């Protein structure tokens, strides 16, 4: 049976050097040649994966952890936190010196200049410090907002804003999503669009934002370098991304 294969980017397709291993690229093209459909499921924005999409010849992707979904080049679903609630979170954070970064499909914009937590977090994505516009969300569609808080501060936000999901991706930053938002929901939107059952989906991931996706699909694969909760949610554990783990598990699954 041919499947749709969804791949996370950081820590799954990209290794610890934020590069696509030759073996991973080879595995993707072999699987496609064998009849499987290839897609991306990432917390990143569309503009942050343009080169990867081009290199792997992919036009179906779930970005912003499910808030911006594209099937074969067509946007089929978007979602975001309502501005009224986002404004409350921003004000609450400003009182505590917790800045945010807004993202639409083309760019990211910071609420403050020169913040160390923003710089450190974006450095891990190899992304420069954004331009600053504290009111960007009032005039543009914002599909995801990053909140810069440490782990011990997260609970207070979860308690105060129960309609928002706070998904940690860095020691100093969380993705903020509407309640129920996830890569799994983004994948479901694609499957509804093309009338394909979830049993025909495989997903590969490593992070906390992959947990729902790995649980939901027919076969969920966590990378050996992944978070313990991602591994618990998965059906299979691959090797480390730096040790051709993706190629080896795809071969083991007889995808090529």
C-alpha atoms as a PDB file:
ATOM      1  CA  UNK A   1       0.000   0.000   0.000  1.00  0.00           C
ATOM      2  CA  UNK A   2       1.281   3.432  -0.920  1.00  0.00           C
ATOM      3  CA  UNK A   3       1.389   6.041   1.827  1.00  0.00           C
ATOM      4  CA  UNK A   4       1.638   9.754   2.444  1.00  0.00           C
ATOM      5  CA  UNK A   5       4.823  10.423   4.410  1.00  0.00           C
ATOM      6  CA  UNK A   6       5.037  13.544   6.596  1.00  0.00           C
ATOM      7  CA  UNK A   7       8.453  14.713   7.761  1.00  0.00           C
ATOM      8  CA  UNK A   8       9.327  17.171  10.504  1.00  0.00           C
ATOM      9  CA  UNK A   9      12.263  19.418   9.605  1.00  0.00           C
ATOM     10  CA  UNK A  10      14.547  20.240  12.556  1.00  0.00           C
ATOM     11  CA  UNK A  11      16.019  17.112  14.088  1.00  0.00           C
ATOM     12  CA  UNK A  12      14.340  14.849  11.515  1.00  0.00           C
ATOM     13  CA  UNK A  13      15.231  15.982   7.992  1.00  0.00           C
ATOM     14  CA  UNK A  14      17.813  18.480   9.237  1.00  0.00           C
ATOM     15  CA  UNK A  15      20.672  17.116  11.322  1.00  0.00           C
ATOM     16  CA  UNK A  16      22.276  18.816  14.322  1.00  0.00           C
ATOM     17  CA  UNK A  17      24.113  21.155  11.916  1.00  0.00           C
ATOM     18  CA  UNK A  18      20.785  22.241  10.368  1.00  0.00           C
ATOM     19  CA  UNK A  19      21.708  20.516   7.129  1.00  0.00           C
ATOM     20  CA  UNK A  20      19.918  17.889   5.057  1.00  0.00           C
ATOM     21  CA  UNK A  21      22.013  14.701   5.025  1.00  0.00           C
ATOM     22  CA  UNK A  22      22.684  13.224   1.592  1.00  0.00           C
ATOM     23  CA  UNK A  23      21.228   9.933   2.798  1.00  0.00           C
ATOM     24  CA  UNK A  24      17.958  11.584   3.861  1.00  0.00           C
ATOM     25  CA  UNK A  25      17.556  13.229   0.467  1.00  0.00           C
ATOM     26  CA  UNK A  26      18.249   9.920  -1.239  1.00  0.00           C
ATOM     27  CA  UNK A  27      15.642   8.171   0.913  1.00  0.00           C
ATOM     28  CA  UNK A  28      13.010  10.802   0.096  1.00  0.00           C
ATOM     29  CA  UNK A  29      13.516  10.476  -3.655  1.00  0.00           C
ATOM     30  CA  UNK A  30      13.588   6.680  -3.513  1.00  0.00           C
ATOM     31  CA  UNK A  31      10.346   6.581  -1.544  1.00  0.00           C
ATOM     32  CA  UNK A  32       8.675   8.935  -4.004  1.00  0.00           C
ATOM     33  CA  UNK A  33       9.890   6.850  -6.929  1.00  0.00           C
ATOM     34  CA  UNK A  34       8.290   3.866  -5.200  1.00  0.00           C
ATOM     35  CA  UNK A  35       4.914   5.598  -5.277  1.00  0.00           C
ATOM     36  CA  UNK A  36       4.715   7.270  -1.873  1.00  0.00           C
ATOM     37  CA  UNK A  37       3.644  10.906  -1.535  1.00  0.00           C
ATOM     38  CA  UNK A  38       6.068  13.184   0.345  1.00  0.00           C
ATOM     39  CA  UNK A  39       5.036  16.083   2.583  1.00  0.00           C
ATOM     40  CA  UNK A  40       6.448  18.310   5.329  1.00  0.00           C
ATOM     41  CA  UNK A  41       4.990  18.894   8.815  1.00  0.00           C
ATOM     42  CA  UNK A  42       6.905  21.572  10.701  1.00  0.00           C
ATOM     43  CA  UNK A  43       6.638  24.309  13.263  1.00  0.00           C
ATOM     44  CA  UNK A  44       8.567  26.547  10.897  1.00  0.00           C
ATOM     45  CA  UNK A  45       6.995  29.139   8.621  1.00  0.00           C
ATOM     46  CA  UNK A  46       6.615  28.564   4.857  1.00  0.00           C
ATOM     47  CA  UNK A  47       9.276  31.184   4.063  1.00  0.00           C
ATOM     48  CA  UNK A  48      11.760  29.355   6.295  1.00  0.00           C
ATOM     49  CA  UNK A  49      11.584  26.103   4.320  1.00  0.00           C
ATOM     50  CA  UNK A  50      11.501  27.431   0.746  1.00  0.00           C
ATOM     51  CA  UNK A  51      14.923  26.049  -0.152  1.00  0.00           C
ATOM     52  CA  UNK A  52      14.141  22.668   1.389  1.00  0.00           C
ATOM     53  CA  UNK A  53      10.846  22.420  -0.505  1.00  0.00           C
ATOM     54  CA  UNK A  54      12.654  23.225  -3.733  1.00  0.00           C
ATOM     55  CA  UNK A  55      15.486  20.772  -3.100  1.00  0.00           C
ATOM     56  CA  UNK A  56      13.119  17.915  -2.258  1.00  0.00           C
ATOM     57  CA  UNK A  57      10.512  18.913  -4.881  1.00  0.00           C
ATOM     58  CA  UNK A  58       7.720  19.091  -2.290  1.00  0.00           C
ATOM     59  CA  UNK A  59       4.537  21.154  -2.700  1.00  0.00           C
ATOM     60  CA  UNK A  60       2.452  19.756   0.166  1.00  0.00           C
ATOM     61  CA  UNK A  61       3.194  20.969   3.673  1.00  0.00           C
ATOM     62  CA  UNK A  62       1.825  21.616   7.138  1.00  0.00           C
ATOM     63  CA  UNK A  63       3.555  24.664   8.637  1.00  0.00           C
ATOM     64  CA  UNK A  64       3.211  26.672  11.852  1.00  0.00           C
ATOM     65  CA  UNK A  65       2.325  23.405  13.630  1.00  0.00           C
ATOM     66  CA  UNK A  66      -0.852  23.042  11.596  1.00  0.00           C
ATOM     67  CA  UNK A  67      -1.919  26.678  11.246  1.00  0.00           C
ATOM     68  CA  UNK A  68      -1.007  27.045   7.552  1.00  0.00           C
ATOM     69  CA  UNK A  69      -1.662  24.010   5.364  1.00  0.00           C
ATOM     70  CA  UNK A  70      -0.864  23.677   1.679  1.00  0.00           C
ATOM     71  CA  UNK A  71      -1.707  20.788  -0.639  1.00  0.00           C
ATOM     72  CA  UNK A  72       0.038  20.709  -4.018  1.00  0.00           C
ATOM     73  CA  UNK A  73       0.694  24.434  -3.902  1.00  0.00           C
ATOM     74  CA  UNK A  74      -2.822  25.454  -2.801  1.00  0.00           C
ATOM     75  CA  UNK A  75      -3.531  26.883   0.659  1.00  0.00           C
ATOM     76  CA  UNK A  76      -6.392  24.740   2.003  1.00  0.00           C
ATOM     77  CA  UNK A  77      -6.504  25.752   5.684  1.00  0.00           C
ATOM     78  CA  UNK A  78      -5.308  28.520   7.993  1.00  0.00           C
ATOM     79  CA  UNK A  79      -5.913  29.299  11.654  1.00  0.00           C
ATOM     80  CA  UNK A  80      -4.644  31.698  14.297  1.00  0.00           C
ATOM     81  CA  UNK A  81      -5.180  32.966  17.822  1.00  0.00           C
ATOM     82  CA  UNK A  82      -7.861  35.696  17.795  1.00  0.00           C
ATOM     83  CA  UNK A  83      -6.366  39.174  18.088  1.00  0.00           C
ATOM     84  CA  UNK A  84      -8.354  39.947  21.242  1.00  0.00           C
ATOM     85  CA  UNK A  85      -6.749  37.045  23.067  1.00  0.00           C
ATOM     86  CA  UNK A  86      -3.343  37.637  21.514  1.00  0.00           C
ATOM     87  CA  UNK A  87      -3.453  41.225  22.747  1.00  0.00           C
ATOM     88  CA  UNK A  88      -4.124  40.006  26.290  1.00  0.00           C
ATOM     89  CA  UNK A  89      -1.159  37.627  26.150  1.00  0.00           C
ATOM     90  CA  UNK A  90       1.130  40.330  24.777  1.00  0.00           C
ATOM     91  CA  UNK A  91       0.121  42.754  27.543  1.00  0.00           C
ATOM     92  CA  UNK A  92       0.548  40.090  30.231  1.00  0.00           C
ATOM     93  CA  UNK A  93       3.982  39.235  28.833  1.00  0.00           C
ATOM     94  CA  UNK A  94       5.065  42.864  28.517  1.00  0.00           C
ATOM     95  CA  UNK A  95       4.489  43.334  32.250  1.00  0.00           C
ATOM     96  CA  UNK A  96       6.965  40.490  32.845  1.00  0.00           C
ATOM     97  CA  UNK A  97       9.500  41.409  30.148  1.00  0.00           C
ATOM     98  CA  UNK A  98       8.433  38.444  28.016  1.00  0.00           C
ATOM     99  CA  UNK A  99       8.555  39.534  24.347  1.00  0.00           C
ATOM    100  CA  UNK A 100       6.956  37.852  21.342  1.00  0.00           C
ATOM    101  CA  UNK A 101       7.735  37.295  17.683  1.00  0.00           C
ATOM    102  CA  UNK A 102       4.909  37.308  15.130  1.00  0.00           C
ATOM    103  CA  UNK A 103       4.982  35.167  11.983  1.00  0.00           C
ATOM    104  CA  UNK A 104       2.957  35.267   8.809  1.00  0.00           C
ATOM    105  CA  UNK A 105       3.638  33.250   5.667  1.00  0.00           C
ATOM    106  CA  UNK A 106       6.324  35.703   4.457  1.00  0.00           C
ATOM    107  CA  UNK A 107       8.239  37.041   7.454  1.00  0.00           C
ATOM    108  CA  UNK A 108       8.707  37.267  11.224  1.00  0.00           C
ATOM    109  CA  UNK A 109       8.495  40.450  13.278  1.00  0.00           C
ATOM    110  CA  UNK A 110       9.671  41.014  16.874  1.00  0.00           C
ATOM    111  CA  UNK A 111       7.811  43.029  19.498  1.00  0.00           C
ATOM    112  CA  UNK A 112      11.064  44.434  20.902  1.00  0.00           C
ATOM    113  CA  UNK A 113      14.605  45.115  19.729  1.00  0.00           C
ATOM    114  CA  UNK A 114      17.799  43.413  20.911  1.00  0.00           C
ATOM    115  CA  UNK A 115      16.301  40.798  23.224  1.00  0.00           C
ATOM    116  CA  UNK A 116      18.786  38.091  24.269  1.00  0.00           C
ATOM    117  CA  UNK A 117      16.208  35.288  24.505  1.00  0.00           C
ATOM    118  CA  UNK A 118      14.927  36.042  21.000  1.00  0.00           C
ATOM    119  CA  UNK A 119      18.457  36.088  19.611  1.00  0.00           C
ATOM    120  CA  UNK A 120      19.497  32.841  21.322  1.00  0.00           C
ATOM    121  CA  UNK A 121      16.366  31.010  20.189  1.00  0.00           C
ATOM    122  CA  UNK A 122      16.512  32.140  16.572  1.00  0.00           C
ATOM    123  CA  UNK A 123      20.231  31.378  16.426  1.00  0.00           C
ATOM    124  CA  UNK A 124      19.317  27.688  16.728  1.00  0.00           C
ATOM    125  CA  UNK A 125      17.246  28.065  13.543  1.00  0.00           C
ATOM    126  CA  UNK A 126      20.083  29.925  11.802  1.00  0.00           C
ATOM    127  CA  UNK A 127      17.707  32.876  11.459  1.00  0.00           C
ATOM    128  CA  UNK A 128      18.654  36.558  11.950  1.00  0.00           C
ATOM    129  CA  UNK A 129      17.024  38.894  14.449  1.00  0.00           C
ATOM    130  CA  UNK A 130      13.739  40.156  12.951  1.00  0.00           C
ATOM    131  CA  UNK A 131      12.610  43.695  12.320  1.00  0.00           C
ATOM    132  CA  UNK A 132      10.585  45.255  15.132  1.00  0.00           C
ATOM    133  CA  UNK A 133       6.895  46.226  15.066  1.00  0.00           C
ATOM    134  CA  UNK A 134       4.984  45.722  18.331  1.00  0.00           C
ATOM    135  CA  UNK A 135       1.645  46.231  16.564  1.00  0.00           C
ATOM    136  CA  UNK A 136       2.282  44.005  13.543  1.00  0.00           C
ATOM    137  CA  UNK A 137      -0.550  41.645  14.528  1.00  0.00           C
ATOM    138  CA  UNK A 138      -3.116  44.463  14.233  1.00  0.00           C
ATOM    139  CA  UNK A 139      -2.492  44.972  10.523  1.00  0.00           C
ATOM    140  CA  UNK A 140      -1.408  41.550   9.251  1.00  0.00           C
ATOM    141  CA  UNK A 141      -2.492  37.932   9.465  1.00  0.00           C
ATOM    142  CA  UNK A 142      -0.448  36.182  12.162  1.00  0.00           C
ATOM    143  CA  UNK A 143      -0.465  32.389  11.909  1.00  0.00           C
ATOM    144  CA  UNK A 144       1.881  31.735  14.809  1.00  0.00           C
ATOM    145  CA  UNK A 145       3.386  33.737  17.653  1.00  0.00           C
ATOM    146  CA  UNK A 146       6.500  32.821  19.598  1.00  0.00           C
ATOM    147  CA  UNK A 147       6.519  33.654  23.303  1.00  0.00           C
ATOM    148  CA  UNK A 148       9.911  33.982  24.982  1.00  0.00           C
ATOM    149  CA  UNK A 149       9.648  32.472  28.448  1.00  0.00           C
ATOM    150  CA  UNK A 150      11.567  29.827  30.368  1.00  0.00           C
ATOM    151  CA  UNK A 151      10.064  26.470  31.252  1.00  0.00           C
ATOM    152  CA  UNK A 152       9.269  27.338  34.865  1.00  0.00           C
ATOM    153  CA  UNK A 153       7.211  30.317  33.651  1.00  0.00           C
ATOM    154  CA  UNK A 154       5.051  28.356  31.237  1.00  0.00           C
ATOM    155  CA  UNK A 155       2.488  27.070  33.732  1.00  0.00           C
ATOM    156  CA  UNK A 156       1.282  30.560  34.638  1.00  0.00           C
ATOM    157  CA  UNK A 157       0.462  31.251  30.996  1.00  0.00           C
ATOM    158  CA  UNK A 158      -1.272  27.898  30.545  1.00  0.00           C
ATOM    159  CA  UNK A 159      -3.444  28.601  33.583  1.00  0.00           C
ATOM    160  CA  UNK A 160      -4.283  32.175  32.609  1.00  0.00           C
ATOM    161  CA  UNK A 161      -4.893  31.464  28.895  1.00  0.00           C
ATOM    162  CA  UNK A 162      -6.615  28.041  28.677  1.00  0.00           C
ATOM    163  CA  UNK A 163      -7.674  28.569  25.038  1.00  0.00           C
ATOM    164  CA  UNK A 164      -4.059  28.637  23.881  1.00  0.00           C
ATOM    165  CA  UNK A 165      -1.563  25.802  23.412  1.00  0.00           C
ATOM    166  CA  UNK A 166       1.993  26.587  24.547  1.00  0.00           C
ATOM    167  CA  UNK A 167       4.378  24.161  22.828  1.00  0.00           C
ATOM    168  CA  UNK A 168       8.011  24.411  23.847  1.00  0.00           C
ATOM    169  CA  UNK A 169      10.676  24.217  21.153  1.00  0.00           C
ATOM    170  CA  UNK A 170      13.586  25.914  22.929  1.00  0.00           C
ATOM    171  CA  UNK A 171      14.702  26.435  26.527  1.00  0.00           C
ATOM    172  CA  UNK A 172      13.591  30.070  26.239  1.00  0.00           C
ATOM    173  CA  UNK A 173      10.700  29.929  23.786  1.00  0.00           C
ATOM    174  CA  UNK A 174       7.265  28.431  23.104  1.00  0.00           C
ATOM    175  CA  UNK A 175       5.075  28.331  20.025  1.00  0.00           C
ATOM    176  CA  UNK A 176       1.577  29.631  20.759  1.00  0.00           C
ATOM    177  CA  UNK A 177      -1.304  27.915  18.954  1.00  0.00           C
ATOM    178  CA  UNK A 178      -5.096  28.042  19.165  1.00  0.00           C
ATOM    179  CA  UNK A 179      -6.538  25.348  21.441  1.00  0.00           C
ATOM    180  CA  UNK A 180      -6.560  22.077  19.513  1.00  0.00           C
ATOM    181  CA  UNK A 181      -3.994  23.299  17.028  1.00  0.00           C
ATOM    182  CA  UNK A 182      -1.307  20.772  16.072  1.00  0.00           C
ATOM    183  CA  UNK A 183       0.481  19.134  13.189  1.00  0.00           C
ATOM    184  CA  UNK A 184      -2.023  16.287  13.558  1.00  0.00           C
ATOM    185  CA  UNK A 185      -4.920  18.632  12.822  1.00  0.00           C
ATOM    186  CA  UNK A 186      -3.060  20.037   9.819  1.00  0.00           C
ATOM    187  CA  UNK A 187      -2.548  16.529   8.468  1.00  0.00           C
ATOM    188  CA  UNK A 188      -6.236  15.773   9.030  1.00  0.00           C
ATOM    189  CA  UNK A 189      -7.157  18.809   6.900  1.00  0.00           C
ATOM    190  CA  UNK A 190      -5.108  17.412   4.016  1.00  0.00           C
ATOM    191  CA  UNK A 191      -6.612  13.951   4.388  1.00  0.00           C
ATOM    192  CA  UNK A 192     -10.134  15.403   4.369  1.00  0.00           C
ATOM    193  CA  UNK A 193      -9.242  17.378   1.257  1.00  0.00           C
ATOM    194  CA  UNK A 194      -8.131  14.300  -0.669  1.00  0.00           C
ATOM    195  CA  UNK A 195     -10.288  11.638   1.041  1.00  0.00           C
ATOM    196  CA  UNK A 196      -7.423   9.464   2.300  1.00  0.00           C
ATOM    197  CA  UNK A 197      -7.647   7.503   5.584  1.00  0.00           C
ATOM    198  CA  UNK A 198      -5.213   8.213   8.436  1.00  0.00           C
ATOM    199  CA  UNK A 199      -4.056   4.586   8.259  1.00  0.00           C
ATOM    200  CA  UNK A 200      -2.235   5.438   5.024  1.00  0.00           C
ATOM    201  CA  UNK A 201      -0.096   8.071   6.720  1.00  0.00           C
ATOM    202  CA  UNK A 202       3.369   7.731   8.220  1.00  0.00           C
ATOM    203  CA  UNK A 203       4.966  10.568  10.173  1.00  0.00           C
ATOM    204  CA  UNK A 204       8.558  11.155  11.235  1.00  0.00           C
ATOM    205  CA  UNK A 205       9.458  13.588  14.022  1.00  0.00           C
ATOM    206  CA  UNK A 206      11.525  14.285  17.110  1.00  0.00           C
ATOM    207  CA  UNK A 207      10.061  17.135  19.153  1.00  0.00           C
ATOM    208  CA  UNK A 208       7.289  18.004  21.568  1.00  0.00           C
ATOM    209  CA  UNK A 209       5.323  19.526  18.701  1.00  0.00           C
ATOM    210  CA  UNK A 210       5.375  16.119  16.974  1.00  0.00           C
ATOM    211  CA  UNK A 211       3.661  14.190  19.775  1.00  0.00           C
ATOM    212  CA  UNK A 212       0.066  14.542  18.527  1.00  0.00           C
ATOM    213  CA  UNK A 213       1.128  13.784  14.959  1.00  0.00           C
ATOM    214  CA  UNK A 214       3.027  10.638  15.918  1.00  0.00           C
ATOM    215  CA  UNK A 215       0.039   9.365  17.906  1.00  0.00           C
ATOM    216  CA  UNK A 216      -2.545  10.157  15.243  1.00  0.00           C
ATOM    217  CA  UNK A 217      -1.084   8.579  12.107  1.00  0.00           C
ATOM    218  CA  UNK A 218      -0.982   4.980  10.964  1.00  0.00           C
ATOM    219  CA  UNK A 219       2.715   4.646  11.819  1.00  0.00           C
ATOM    220  CA  UNK A 220       4.579   7.244  13.848  1.00  0.00           C
ATOM    221  CA  UNK A 221       8.383   7.211  13.868  1.00  0.00           C
ATOM    222  CA  UNK A 222      10.449   9.165  16.407  1.00  0.00           C
ATOM    223  CA  UNK A 223      14.096   9.906  15.758  1.00  0.00           C
ATOM    224  CA  UNK A 224      16.684   8.500  18.148  1.00  0.00           C
ATOM    225  CA  UNK A 225      17.723  12.058  19.008  1.00  0.00           C
ATOM    226  CA  UNK A 226      14.121  12.958  19.813  1.00  0.00           C
ATOM    227  CA  UNK A 227      12.421  14.110  23.004  1.00  0.00           C
ATOM    228  CA  UNK A 228      11.368  11.310  25.355  1.00  0.00           C
ATOM    229  CA  UNK A 229       7.683  12.251  24.943  1.00  0.00           C
ATOM    230  CA  UNK A 230       7.981  11.979  21.159  1.00  0.00           C
ATOM    231  CA  UNK A 231       9.467   8.520  21.553  1.00  0.00           C
ATOM    232  CA  UNK A 232       6.665   7.494  23.906  1.00  0.00           C
ATOM    233  CA  UNK A 233       4.079   8.610  21.337  1.00  0.00           C
ATOM    234  CA  UNK A 234       5.712   6.780  18.427  1.00  0.00           C
ATOM    235  CA  UNK A 235       5.264   3.255  17.123  1.00  0.00           C
ATOM    236  CA  UNK A 236       8.922   2.968  16.130  1.00  0.00           C
ATOM    237  CA  UNK A 237      12.216   4.593  17.109  1.00  0.00           C
ATOM    238  CA  UNK A 238      14.733   5.419  14.382  1.00  0.00           C
ATOM    239  CA  UNK A 239      18.447   5.987  14.774  1.00  0.00           C
ATOM    240  CA  UNK A 240      19.998   9.393  15.410  1.00  0.00           C
ATOM    241  CA  UNK A 241      19.508  11.964  12.660  1.00  0.00           C
ATOM    242  CA  UNK A 242      23.293  12.483  12.500  1.00  0.00           C
ATOM    243  CA  UNK A 243      23.845   8.762  11.870  1.00  0.00           C
ATOM    244  CA  UNK A 244      21.626   8.317   8.794  1.00  0.00           C
ATOM    245  CA  UNK A 245      18.741   7.388  11.071  1.00  0.00           C
ATOM    246  CA  UNK A 246      16.067   8.538   8.644  1.00  0.00           C
ATOM    247  CA  UNK A 247      17.461   6.580   5.694  1.00  0.00           C
ATOM    248  CA  UNK A 248      17.844   3.421   7.756  1.00  0.00           C
ATOM    249  CA  UNK A 249      14.327   3.451   9.224  1.00  0.00           C
ATOM    250  CA  UNK A 250      12.750   4.198   5.842  1.00  0.00           C
ATOM    251  CA  UNK A 251      14.616   1.273   4.347  1.00  0.00           C
ATOM    252  CA  UNK A 252      13.546  -0.933   7.261  1.00  0.00           C
ATOM    253  CA  UNK A 253       9.930   0.080   6.630  1.00  0.00           C
ATOM    254  CA  UNK A 254      10.418  -0.986   2.993  1.00  0.00           C
ATOM    255  CA  UNK A 255       9.468   2.428   1.664  1.00  0.00           C
ATOM    256  CA  UNK A 256      12.066   1.854  -1.068  1.00  0.00           C
END
